């Protein structure tokens, strides 16, 4: 599928105009109901890039969404939450028989958060970087809680603006994000089988690299490279590993590297430099530094135990 040049939407007012909605009550925050949209996305493909945060809860989708290089089709009834950070591209392919989703969409410009604790804290919520197939599927009780918070935000932002407006809305928004974080942790737990399959695939990919000449030729794999091979986003992979192992993706890869290094140090006569290059390090010093950091021994000190 050919990717169109995305339509960059700089302001919330521009999105309102694109969808045939009245001008937003506030230029930096808005909540719209999909039922109020008078200019829905046309059939075919649409590519959008927002310069603000978006949070949406959708029902009855059967569109095909594409984040990055992966496509995901949706055709289910439960409430589905999507989170997007500024400057992410969303491609949507809408079939002729596609139904319009119901639900709502909240837009928050980063400027609205300036001067608040959430201005930097919002970056800790990894789900803003999850892909479309990693959306949050809400239970009925969870959806009630989410909608109650959003209703409070909507009512507050429609009131006359005063010095209390922003702190109250930001506090409610942070509560919404904290609940979403809790619900994602629940989703990780209830999807244990799928997550363990991702972990098994991760181990297989890393072990295959370690047992071949891939690392010597291509160097150490990046987290993005590993995530792409698994068809998940780096942020979602980090969430899975944190849930199952307590490690980051990089820590997991380093642990496997050290295991392979120990094997080579104890069973071969290869020099430390040869082992370092075979494991994808450009400089043997970098390998030795990592090895000592992980084992409290230098590679040579570790080898001496087997001589």
C-alpha atoms as a PDB file:
ATOM      1  CA  UNK A   1       0.000   0.000   0.000  1.00  0.00           C
ATOM      2  CA  UNK A   2       1.396   3.393  -0.956  1.00  0.00           C
ATOM      3  CA  UNK A   3       1.685   5.864   1.898  1.00  0.00           C
ATOM      4  CA  UNK A   4       0.363   9.336   1.173  1.00  0.00           C
ATOM      5  CA  UNK A   5       2.124  12.473   2.348  1.00  0.00           C
ATOM      6  CA  UNK A   6       0.434  13.074   5.706  1.00  0.00           C
ATOM      7  CA  UNK A   7      -1.797  16.065   6.250  1.00  0.00           C
ATOM      8  CA  UNK A   8      -0.158  18.026   9.061  1.00  0.00           C
ATOM      9  CA  UNK A   9      -2.709  19.384  11.516  1.00  0.00           C
ATOM     10  CA  UNK A  10      -1.038  22.058  13.624  1.00  0.00           C
ATOM     11  CA  UNK A  11      -3.938  23.239  15.732  1.00  0.00           C
ATOM     12  CA  UNK A  12      -7.064  21.800  17.266  1.00  0.00           C
ATOM     13  CA  UNK A  13      -9.094  24.384  15.324  1.00  0.00           C
ATOM     14  CA  UNK A  14      -7.726  22.921  12.070  1.00  0.00           C
ATOM     15  CA  UNK A  15      -8.986  19.474  13.034  1.00  0.00           C
ATOM     16  CA  UNK A  16     -12.410  20.890  13.904  1.00  0.00           C
ATOM     17  CA  UNK A  17     -12.558  22.528  10.468  1.00  0.00           C
ATOM     18  CA  UNK A  18     -11.419  19.303   8.771  1.00  0.00           C
ATOM     19  CA  UNK A  19     -14.280  17.357  10.361  1.00  0.00           C
ATOM     20  CA  UNK A  20     -16.937  20.067   9.991  1.00  0.00           C
ATOM     21  CA  UNK A  21     -17.119  20.852  13.693  1.00  0.00           C
ATOM     22  CA  UNK A  22     -17.701  24.273  15.299  1.00  0.00           C
ATOM     23  CA  UNK A  23     -14.616  26.160  16.444  1.00  0.00           C
ATOM     24  CA  UNK A  24     -13.298  24.736  19.709  1.00  0.00           C
ATOM     25  CA  UNK A  25     -14.331  26.420  22.934  1.00  0.00           C
ATOM     26  CA  UNK A  26     -10.653  26.521  23.949  1.00  0.00           C
ATOM     27  CA  UNK A  27      -7.799  26.666  21.374  1.00  0.00           C
ATOM     28  CA  UNK A  28      -5.582  24.211  23.275  1.00  0.00           C
ATOM     29  CA  UNK A  29      -7.993  21.514  24.468  1.00  0.00           C
ATOM     30  CA  UNK A  30     -11.136  19.981  23.036  1.00  0.00           C
ATOM     31  CA  UNK A  31     -13.328  16.902  23.316  1.00  0.00           C
ATOM     32  CA  UNK A  32     -15.455  15.976  20.319  1.00  0.00           C
ATOM     33  CA  UNK A  33     -18.153  13.374  19.897  1.00  0.00           C
ATOM     34  CA  UNK A  34     -17.846  11.364  16.689  1.00  0.00           C
ATOM     35  CA  UNK A  35     -21.611  11.637  16.214  1.00  0.00           C
ATOM     36  CA  UNK A  36     -21.173  15.416  15.771  1.00  0.00           C
ATOM     37  CA  UNK A  37     -18.722  15.064  12.873  1.00  0.00           C
ATOM     38  CA  UNK A  38     -20.275  16.386   9.651  1.00  0.00           C
ATOM     39  CA  UNK A  39     -17.244  15.783   7.403  1.00  0.00           C
ATOM     40  CA  UNK A  40     -16.042  12.248   8.183  1.00  0.00           C
ATOM     41  CA  UNK A  41     -12.984  10.758   6.551  1.00  0.00           C
ATOM     42  CA  UNK A  42     -13.678   9.869   2.930  1.00  0.00           C
ATOM     43  CA  UNK A  43     -13.494   6.328   1.594  1.00  0.00           C
ATOM     44  CA  UNK A  44      -9.970   5.333   0.691  1.00  0.00           C
ATOM     45  CA  UNK A  45      -6.811   6.214   2.567  1.00  0.00           C
ATOM     46  CA  UNK A  46      -6.187   9.151   4.842  1.00  0.00           C
ATOM     47  CA  UNK A  47      -2.853  10.069   6.412  1.00  0.00           C
ATOM     48  CA  UNK A  48      -2.783  12.511   9.320  1.00  0.00           C
ATOM     49  CA  UNK A  49      -0.080  14.007  11.519  1.00  0.00           C
ATOM     50  CA  UNK A  50      -1.206  15.828  14.653  1.00  0.00           C
ATOM     51  CA  UNK A  51       0.934  18.360  16.500  1.00  0.00           C
ATOM     52  CA  UNK A  52      -0.924  17.662  19.735  1.00  0.00           C
ATOM     53  CA  UNK A  53      -1.836  14.744  21.998  1.00  0.00           C
ATOM     54  CA  UNK A  54      -4.936  12.741  21.144  1.00  0.00           C
ATOM     55  CA  UNK A  55      -6.860  10.276  23.294  1.00  0.00           C
ATOM     56  CA  UNK A  56      -9.883   8.562  21.829  1.00  0.00           C
ATOM     57  CA  UNK A  57     -12.424   5.928  22.770  1.00  0.00           C
ATOM     58  CA  UNK A  58     -14.041   4.262  19.768  1.00  0.00           C
ATOM     59  CA  UNK A  59     -16.808   1.740  19.258  1.00  0.00           C
ATOM     60  CA  UNK A  60     -17.819  -0.243  16.180  1.00  0.00           C
ATOM     61  CA  UNK A  61     -14.652   0.247  14.115  1.00  0.00           C
ATOM     62  CA  UNK A  62     -13.944  -1.725  10.977  1.00  0.00           C
ATOM     63  CA  UNK A  63     -11.271   0.549   9.522  1.00  0.00           C
ATOM     64  CA  UNK A  64      -7.693  -0.485   8.782  1.00  0.00           C
ATOM     65  CA  UNK A  65      -5.195   1.542  10.795  1.00  0.00           C
ATOM     66  CA  UNK A  66      -1.502   1.766  10.034  1.00  0.00           C
ATOM     67  CA  UNK A  67       1.162   3.028  12.426  1.00  0.00           C
ATOM     68  CA  UNK A  68       4.715   2.833  11.072  1.00  0.00           C
ATOM     69  CA  UNK A  69       5.067  -0.182   8.785  1.00  0.00           C
ATOM     70  CA  UNK A  70       2.337  -2.364  10.277  1.00  0.00           C
ATOM     71  CA  UNK A  71      -1.343  -2.571   9.312  1.00  0.00           C
ATOM     72  CA  UNK A  72      -4.111  -3.561  11.680  1.00  0.00           C
ATOM     73  CA  UNK A  73      -7.772  -4.166  10.916  1.00  0.00           C
ATOM     74  CA  UNK A  74     -10.441  -3.571  13.528  1.00  0.00           C
ATOM     75  CA  UNK A  75     -13.933  -5.021  13.594  1.00  0.00           C
ATOM     76  CA  UNK A  76     -15.143  -5.384  17.165  1.00  0.00           C
ATOM     77  CA  UNK A  77     -17.650  -3.815  19.503  1.00  0.00           C
ATOM     78  CA  UNK A  78     -15.845  -3.256  22.797  1.00  0.00           C
ATOM     79  CA  UNK A  79     -14.531   0.170  23.672  1.00  0.00           C
ATOM     80  CA  UNK A  80     -11.039   0.697  22.292  1.00  0.00           C
ATOM     81  CA  UNK A  81      -8.745   3.476  23.483  1.00  0.00           C
ATOM     82  CA  UNK A  82      -6.018   4.974  21.313  1.00  0.00           C
ATOM     83  CA  UNK A  83      -3.271   7.320  22.477  1.00  0.00           C
ATOM     84  CA  UNK A  84      -1.056   9.355  20.162  1.00  0.00           C
ATOM     85  CA  UNK A  85       1.758  11.773  21.007  1.00  0.00           C
ATOM     86  CA  UNK A  86       2.449  14.845  18.854  1.00  0.00           C
ATOM     87  CA  UNK A  87       4.072  14.305  15.434  1.00  0.00           C
ATOM     88  CA  UNK A  88       3.059  10.680  15.009  1.00  0.00           C
ATOM     89  CA  UNK A  89       1.606   9.692  11.645  1.00  0.00           C
ATOM     90  CA  UNK A  90      -1.679   7.802  11.499  1.00  0.00           C
ATOM     91  CA  UNK A  91      -2.743   6.194   8.226  1.00  0.00           C
ATOM     92  CA  UNK A  92      -6.364   5.070   7.943  1.00  0.00           C
ATOM     93  CA  UNK A  93      -7.804   3.014   5.106  1.00  0.00           C
ATOM     94  CA  UNK A  94     -11.582   3.196   4.918  1.00  0.00           C
ATOM     95  CA  UNK A  95     -13.419   0.605   2.833  1.00  0.00           C
ATOM     96  CA  UNK A  96     -16.649   1.302   0.945  1.00  0.00           C
ATOM     97  CA  UNK A  97     -18.658  -0.726   3.465  1.00  0.00           C
ATOM     98  CA  UNK A  98     -16.916   0.861   6.431  1.00  0.00           C
ATOM     99  CA  UNK A  99     -19.029   2.015   9.357  1.00  0.00           C
ATOM    100  CA  UNK A 100     -18.452   5.286  11.158  1.00  0.00           C
ATOM    101  CA  UNK A 101     -17.196   4.679  14.700  1.00  0.00           C
ATOM    102  CA  UNK A 102     -18.953   6.102  17.697  1.00  0.00           C
ATOM    103  CA  UNK A 103     -17.248   7.504  20.762  1.00  0.00           C
ATOM    104  CA  UNK A 104     -15.153  10.564  21.500  1.00  0.00           C
ATOM    105  CA  UNK A 105     -11.744  12.109  20.911  1.00  0.00           C
ATOM    106  CA  UNK A 106      -9.836  14.402  23.252  1.00  0.00           C
ATOM    107  CA  UNK A 107      -7.145  16.720  21.899  1.00  0.00           C
ATOM    108  CA  UNK A 108      -4.607  18.422  24.161  1.00  0.00           C
ATOM    109  CA  UNK A 109      -1.953  20.751  22.766  1.00  0.00           C
ATOM    110  CA  UNK A 110       1.430  20.584  24.556  1.00  0.00           C
ATOM    111  CA  UNK A 111       1.181  24.325  25.171  1.00  0.00           C
ATOM    112  CA  UNK A 112      -1.792  23.680  27.458  1.00  0.00           C
ATOM    113  CA  UNK A 113       0.450  21.658  29.784  1.00  0.00           C
ATOM    114  CA  UNK A 114       3.249  24.226  30.081  1.00  0.00           C
ATOM    115  CA  UNK A 115       3.831  25.268  33.654  1.00  0.00           C
ATOM    116  CA  UNK A 116       2.153  22.147  35.058  1.00  0.00           C
ATOM    117  CA  UNK A 117       3.612  18.965  36.494  1.00  0.00           C
ATOM    118  CA  UNK A 118       2.120  17.014  33.575  1.00  0.00           C
ATOM    119  CA  UNK A 119       4.239  18.911  31.035  1.00  0.00           C
ATOM    120  CA  UNK A 120       7.131  16.507  31.642  1.00  0.00           C
ATOM    121  CA  UNK A 121       5.289  13.714  33.485  1.00  0.00           C
ATOM    122  CA  UNK A 122       3.171  12.926  30.407  1.00  0.00           C
ATOM    123  CA  UNK A 123       6.282  11.470  28.753  1.00  0.00           C
ATOM    124  CA  UNK A 124       6.354   8.631  31.293  1.00  0.00           C
ATOM    125  CA  UNK A 125       3.166   7.149  29.855  1.00  0.00           C
ATOM    126  CA  UNK A 126       4.587   4.725  27.298  1.00  0.00           C
ATOM    127  CA  UNK A 127       1.195   3.994  25.735  1.00  0.00           C
ATOM    128  CA  UNK A 128       1.370   7.260  23.767  1.00  0.00           C
ATOM    129  CA  UNK A 129       4.006   5.445  21.689  1.00  0.00           C
ATOM    130  CA  UNK A 130       2.147   2.139  21.303  1.00  0.00           C
ATOM    131  CA  UNK A 131       1.044   1.041  17.856  1.00  0.00           C
ATOM    132  CA  UNK A 132      -2.540   0.635  16.696  1.00  0.00           C
ATOM    133  CA  UNK A 133      -2.585  -3.124  17.349  1.00  0.00           C
ATOM    134  CA  UNK A 134      -1.567  -2.380  20.923  1.00  0.00           C
ATOM    135  CA  UNK A 135      -4.652  -0.308  21.690  1.00  0.00           C
ATOM    136  CA  UNK A 136      -6.332  -0.585  25.097  1.00  0.00           C
ATOM    137  CA  UNK A 137      -9.449  -2.774  25.142  1.00  0.00           C
ATOM    138  CA  UNK A 138     -11.671  -1.693  28.024  1.00  0.00           C
ATOM    139  CA  UNK A 139     -14.024  -3.780  30.114  1.00  0.00           C
ATOM    140  CA  UNK A 140     -17.459  -2.346  30.822  1.00  0.00           C
ATOM    141  CA  UNK A 141     -16.446  -1.179  34.299  1.00  0.00           C
ATOM    142  CA  UNK A 142     -13.254   0.393  32.988  1.00  0.00           C
ATOM    143  CA  UNK A 143     -15.152   2.211  30.280  1.00  0.00           C
ATOM    144  CA  UNK A 144     -17.563   3.659  32.836  1.00  0.00           C
ATOM    145  CA  UNK A 145     -14.638   5.043  34.844  1.00  0.00           C
ATOM    146  CA  UNK A 146     -12.967   6.516  31.764  1.00  0.00           C
ATOM    147  CA  UNK A 147     -16.151   8.137  30.485  1.00  0.00           C
ATOM    148  CA  UNK A 148     -16.893   9.629  33.897  1.00  0.00           C
ATOM    149  CA  UNK A 149     -13.487  11.358  33.996  1.00  0.00           C
ATOM    150  CA  UNK A 150     -13.793  12.587  30.415  1.00  0.00           C
ATOM    151  CA  UNK A 151     -17.254  13.932  31.128  1.00  0.00           C
ATOM    152  CA  UNK A 152     -15.829  15.920  34.045  1.00  0.00           C
ATOM    153  CA  UNK A 153     -13.092  17.339  31.807  1.00  0.00           C
ATOM    154  CA  UNK A 154     -15.615  18.167  29.093  1.00  0.00           C
ATOM    155  CA  UNK A 155     -17.910  20.012  31.489  1.00  0.00           C
ATOM    156  CA  UNK A 156     -15.029  21.944  33.023  1.00  0.00           C
ATOM    157  CA  UNK A 157     -13.520  23.043  29.725  1.00  0.00           C
ATOM    158  CA  UNK A 158     -16.920  24.282  28.527  1.00  0.00           C
ATOM    159  CA  UNK A 159     -17.286  26.527  31.577  1.00  0.00           C
ATOM    160  CA  UNK A 160     -16.082  30.112  31.756  1.00  0.00           C
ATOM    161  CA  UNK A 161     -12.279  30.085  31.991  1.00  0.00           C
ATOM    162  CA  UNK A 162     -10.798  31.232  35.293  1.00  0.00           C
ATOM    163  CA  UNK A 163      -7.592  30.624  37.271  1.00  0.00           C
ATOM    164  CA  UNK A 164      -8.901  27.259  38.484  1.00  0.00           C
ATOM    165  CA  UNK A 165      -9.763  25.857  35.035  1.00  0.00           C
ATOM    166  CA  UNK A 166      -6.354  24.593  33.944  1.00  0.00           C
ATOM    167  CA  UNK A 167      -5.319  23.007  37.298  1.00  0.00           C
ATOM    168  CA  UNK A 168      -8.656  21.188  37.574  1.00  0.00           C
ATOM    169  CA  UNK A 169      -8.521  19.898  33.989  1.00  0.00           C
ATOM    170  CA  UNK A 170      -4.865  18.862  34.211  1.00  0.00           C
ATOM    171  CA  UNK A 171      -5.581  17.025  37.460  1.00  0.00           C
ATOM    172  CA  UNK A 172      -8.460  15.150  35.814  1.00  0.00           C
ATOM    173  CA  UNK A 173      -6.307  14.401  32.762  1.00  0.00           C
ATOM    174  CA  UNK A 174      -3.570  12.962  34.957  1.00  0.00           C
ATOM    175  CA  UNK A 175      -6.175  10.797  36.700  1.00  0.00           C
ATOM    176  CA  UNK A 176      -7.336   9.548  33.285  1.00  0.00           C
ATOM    177  CA  UNK A 177      -3.763   8.667  32.304  1.00  0.00           C
ATOM    178  CA  UNK A 178      -3.116   6.886  35.597  1.00  0.00           C
ATOM    179  CA  UNK A 179      -6.258   4.793  35.175  1.00  0.00           C
ATOM    180  CA  UNK A 180      -5.223   4.025  31.594  1.00  0.00           C
ATOM    181  CA  UNK A 181      -1.827   2.915  32.867  1.00  0.00           C
ATOM    182  CA  UNK A 182      -3.543   0.615  35.389  1.00  0.00           C
ATOM    183  CA  UNK A 183      -5.812  -0.826  32.705  1.00  0.00           C
ATOM    184  CA  UNK A 184      -2.829  -1.477  30.426  1.00  0.00           C
ATOM    185  CA  UNK A 185      -1.135  -3.393  33.247  1.00  0.00           C
ATOM    186  CA  UNK A 186      -4.322  -5.450  33.537  1.00  0.00           C
ATOM    187  CA  UNK A 187      -4.199  -6.053  29.777  1.00  0.00           C
ATOM    188  CA  UNK A 188      -0.600  -7.268  30.035  1.00  0.00           C
ATOM    189  CA  UNK A 189      -1.667  -9.734  32.725  1.00  0.00           C
ATOM    190  CA  UNK A 190      -4.749 -10.995  30.885  1.00  0.00           C
ATOM    191  CA  UNK A 191      -2.702 -11.482  27.725  1.00  0.00           C
ATOM    192  CA  UNK A 192      -0.008 -13.585  29.382  1.00  0.00           C
ATOM    193  CA  UNK A 193      -0.064 -16.266  26.668  1.00  0.00           C
ATOM    194  CA  UNK A 194       0.416 -13.731  23.868  1.00  0.00           C
ATOM    195  CA  UNK A 195       3.086 -11.873  25.820  1.00  0.00           C
ATOM    196  CA  UNK A 196       5.018 -15.062  26.548  1.00  0.00           C
ATOM    197  CA  UNK A 197       4.905 -15.853  22.839  1.00  0.00           C
ATOM    198  CA  UNK A 198       6.485 -12.444  22.167  1.00  0.00           C
ATOM    199  CA  UNK A 199       9.144 -13.192  24.792  1.00  0.00           C
ATOM    200  CA  UNK A 200       9.839 -16.613  23.238  1.00  0.00           C
ATOM    201  CA  UNK A 201      10.173 -14.992  19.808  1.00  0.00           C
ATOM    202  CA  UNK A 202      12.491 -12.342  21.242  1.00  0.00           C
ATOM    203  CA  UNK A 203      14.747 -15.003  22.747  1.00  0.00           C
ATOM    204  CA  UNK A 204      14.783 -16.926  19.459  1.00  0.00           C
ATOM    205  CA  UNK A 205      15.713 -13.810  17.445  1.00  0.00           C
ATOM    206  CA  UNK A 206      18.490 -12.780  19.811  1.00  0.00           C
ATOM    207  CA  UNK A 207      19.865 -16.317  20.095  1.00  0.00           C
ATOM    208  CA  UNK A 208      19.878 -16.659  16.307  1.00  0.00           C
ATOM    209  CA  UNK A 209      21.885 -13.450  16.031  1.00  0.00           C
ATOM    210  CA  UNK A 210      24.342 -14.641  18.669  1.00  0.00           C
ATOM    211  CA  UNK A 211      24.825 -18.018  16.964  1.00  0.00           C
ATOM    212  CA  UNK A 212      25.468 -16.515  13.524  1.00  0.00           C
ATOM    213  CA  UNK A 213      27.774 -13.916  11.977  1.00  0.00           C
ATOM    214  CA  UNK A 214      25.012 -11.305  12.028  1.00  0.00           C
ATOM    215  CA  UNK A 215      26.439  -9.288  14.909  1.00  0.00           C
ATOM    216  CA  UNK A 216      29.949  -9.232  13.461  1.00  0.00           C
ATOM    217  CA  UNK A 217      28.615  -7.979  10.125  1.00  0.00           C
ATOM    218  CA  UNK A 218      25.849  -5.649  11.280  1.00  0.00           C
ATOM    219  CA  UNK A 219      26.819  -4.682  14.815  1.00  0.00           C
ATOM    220  CA  UNK A 220      24.666  -4.743  17.929  1.00  0.00           C
ATOM    221  CA  UNK A 221      20.935  -4.704  17.162  1.00  0.00           C
ATOM    222  CA  UNK A 222      18.976  -1.622  18.174  1.00  0.00           C
ATOM    223  CA  UNK A 223      15.800  -1.887  20.222  1.00  0.00           C
ATOM    224  CA  UNK A 224      13.893  -0.571  17.189  1.00  0.00           C
ATOM    225  CA  UNK A 225      15.361  -3.340  15.004  1.00  0.00           C
ATOM    226  CA  UNK A 226      14.315  -6.016  17.498  1.00  0.00           C
ATOM    227  CA  UNK A 227      10.830  -4.542  17.878  1.00  0.00           C
ATOM    228  CA  UNK A 228      10.373  -4.396  14.098  1.00  0.00           C
ATOM    229  CA  UNK A 229      11.322  -8.067  13.833  1.00  0.00           C
ATOM    230  CA  UNK A 230       8.621  -8.869  16.389  1.00  0.00           C
ATOM    231  CA  UNK A 231       6.004  -6.585  14.767  1.00  0.00           C
ATOM    232  CA  UNK A 232       5.506  -4.601  17.975  1.00  0.00           C
ATOM    233  CA  UNK A 233       6.426  -1.070  18.980  1.00  0.00           C
ATOM    234  CA  UNK A 234       9.556  -0.535  21.133  1.00  0.00           C
ATOM    235  CA  UNK A 235       7.403   0.943  23.898  1.00  0.00           C
ATOM    236  CA  UNK A 236       5.021  -2.034  23.967  1.00  0.00           C
ATOM    237  CA  UNK A 237       7.931  -4.484  23.943  1.00  0.00           C
ATOM    238  CA  UNK A 238       9.386  -2.598  26.901  1.00  0.00           C
ATOM    239  CA  UNK A 239       6.053  -2.957  28.702  1.00  0.00           C
ATOM    240  CA  UNK A 240       5.890  -6.707  28.063  1.00  0.00           C
ATOM    241  CA  UNK A 241       9.450  -7.267  29.295  1.00  0.00           C
ATOM    242  CA  UNK A 242       8.895  -5.120  32.366  1.00  0.00           C
ATOM    243  CA  UNK A 243       5.834  -7.214  33.204  1.00  0.00           C
ATOM    244  CA  UNK A 244       7.466 -10.607  32.557  1.00  0.00           C
ATOM    245  CA  UNK A 245      11.144 -10.085  33.456  1.00  0.00           C
ATOM    246  CA  UNK A 246      11.503  -6.690  35.146  1.00  0.00           C
ATOM    247  CA  UNK A 247      14.061  -5.759  32.498  1.00  0.00           C
ATOM    248  CA  UNK A 248      14.206  -3.233  29.695  1.00  0.00           C
ATOM    249  CA  UNK A 249      14.749  -4.491  26.147  1.00  0.00           C
ATOM    250  CA  UNK A 250      18.354  -3.303  26.190  1.00  0.00           C
ATOM    251  CA  UNK A 251      18.984  -5.024  29.528  1.00  0.00           C
ATOM    252  CA  UNK A 252      17.532  -8.241  28.103  1.00  0.00           C
ATOM    253  CA  UNK A 253      19.797  -8.044  25.036  1.00  0.00           C
ATOM    254  CA  UNK A 254      22.850  -7.267  27.195  1.00  0.00           C
ATOM    255  CA  UNK A 255      22.100 -10.242  29.441  1.00  0.00           C
ATOM    256  CA  UNK A 256      22.038 -12.555  26.424  1.00  0.00           C
ATOM    257  CA  UNK A 257      25.288 -11.012  25.144  1.00  0.00           C
ATOM    258  CA  UNK A 258      27.006 -11.642  28.463  1.00  0.00           C
ATOM    259  CA  UNK A 259      25.785 -15.255  28.508  1.00  0.00           C
ATOM    260  CA  UNK A 260      27.271 -15.818  25.042  1.00  0.00           C
ATOM    261  CA  UNK A 261      30.483 -14.021  26.035  1.00  0.00           C
ATOM    262  CA  UNK A 262      30.877 -16.278  29.071  1.00  0.00           C
ATOM    263  CA  UNK A 263      30.420 -19.313  26.839  1.00  0.00           C
ATOM    264  CA  UNK A 264      33.124 -18.136  24.415  1.00  0.00           C
ATOM    265  CA  UNK A 265      35.511 -17.139  27.214  1.00  0.00           C
ATOM    266  CA  UNK A 266      35.198 -20.504  28.944  1.00  0.00           C
ATOM    267  CA  UNK A 267      35.122 -22.869  25.950  1.00  0.00           C
ATOM    268  CA  UNK A 268      37.299 -21.227  23.244  1.00  0.00           C
ATOM    269  CA  UNK A 269      40.765 -19.737  22.933  1.00  0.00           C
ATOM    270  CA  UNK A 270      39.487 -16.631  21.129  1.00  0.00           C
ATOM    271  CA  UNK A 271      40.996 -13.381  22.370  1.00  0.00           C
ATOM    272  CA  UNK A 272      38.842 -10.835  24.180  1.00  0.00           C
ATOM    273  CA  UNK A 273      39.029  -8.592  21.105  1.00  0.00           C
ATOM    274  CA  UNK A 274      37.888 -11.416  18.805  1.00  0.00           C
ATOM    275  CA  UNK A 275      34.944 -12.167  21.086  1.00  0.00           C
ATOM    276  CA  UNK A 276      34.051  -8.485  21.267  1.00  0.00           C
ATOM    277  CA  UNK A 277      33.979  -8.121  17.484  1.00  0.00           C
ATOM    278  CA  UNK A 278      32.038 -11.387  17.078  1.00  0.00           C
ATOM    279  CA  UNK A 279      29.386 -10.021  19.436  1.00  0.00           C
ATOM    280  CA  UNK A 280      28.971  -6.828  17.435  1.00  0.00           C
ATOM    281  CA  UNK A 281      31.071  -4.381  19.463  1.00  0.00           C
ATOM    282  CA  UNK A 282      33.036  -1.830  17.467  1.00  0.00           C
ATOM    283  CA  UNK A 283      35.538  -1.388  20.293  1.00  0.00           C
ATOM    284  CA  UNK A 284      36.798  -4.197  22.579  1.00  0.00           C
ATOM    285  CA  UNK A 285      36.925  -1.642  25.410  1.00  0.00           C
ATOM    286  CA  UNK A 286      33.151  -1.208  25.187  1.00  0.00           C
ATOM    287  CA  UNK A 287      32.661  -4.957  25.497  1.00  0.00           C
ATOM    288  CA  UNK A 288      35.041  -5.204  28.477  1.00  0.00           C
ATOM    289  CA  UNK A 289      33.323  -2.295  30.188  1.00  0.00           C
ATOM    290  CA  UNK A 290      29.865  -3.871  29.768  1.00  0.00           C
ATOM    291  CA  UNK A 291      31.129  -7.281  30.882  1.00  0.00           C
ATOM    292  CA  UNK A 292      32.655  -5.888  34.065  1.00  0.00           C
ATOM    293  CA  UNK A 293      29.580  -3.796  34.752  1.00  0.00           C
ATOM    294  CA  UNK A 294      27.381  -6.904  34.553  1.00  0.00           C
ATOM    295  CA  UNK A 295      29.669  -9.440  36.274  1.00  0.00           C
ATOM    296  CA  UNK A 296      32.054  -7.372  38.466  1.00  0.00           C
ATOM    297  CA  UNK A 297      34.907  -9.085  36.629  1.00  0.00           C
ATOM    298  CA  UNK A 298      36.897  -8.296  33.536  1.00  0.00           C
ATOM    299  CA  UNK A 299      36.677 -10.846  30.684  1.00  0.00           C
ATOM    300  CA  UNK A 300      40.222 -12.035  31.464  1.00  0.00           C
ATOM    301  CA  UNK A 301      39.453 -12.407  35.166  1.00  0.00           C
ATOM    302  CA  UNK A 302      36.423 -14.506  34.271  1.00  0.00           C
ATOM    303  CA  UNK A 303      38.523 -16.694  31.892  1.00  0.00           C
ATOM    304  CA  UNK A 304      41.202 -17.328  34.517  1.00  0.00           C
ATOM    305  CA  UNK A 305      38.653 -19.262  36.550  1.00  0.00           C
ATOM    306  CA  UNK A 306      38.660 -21.951  33.840  1.00  0.00           C
ATOM    307  CA  UNK A 307      42.422 -22.271  33.442  1.00  0.00           C
END
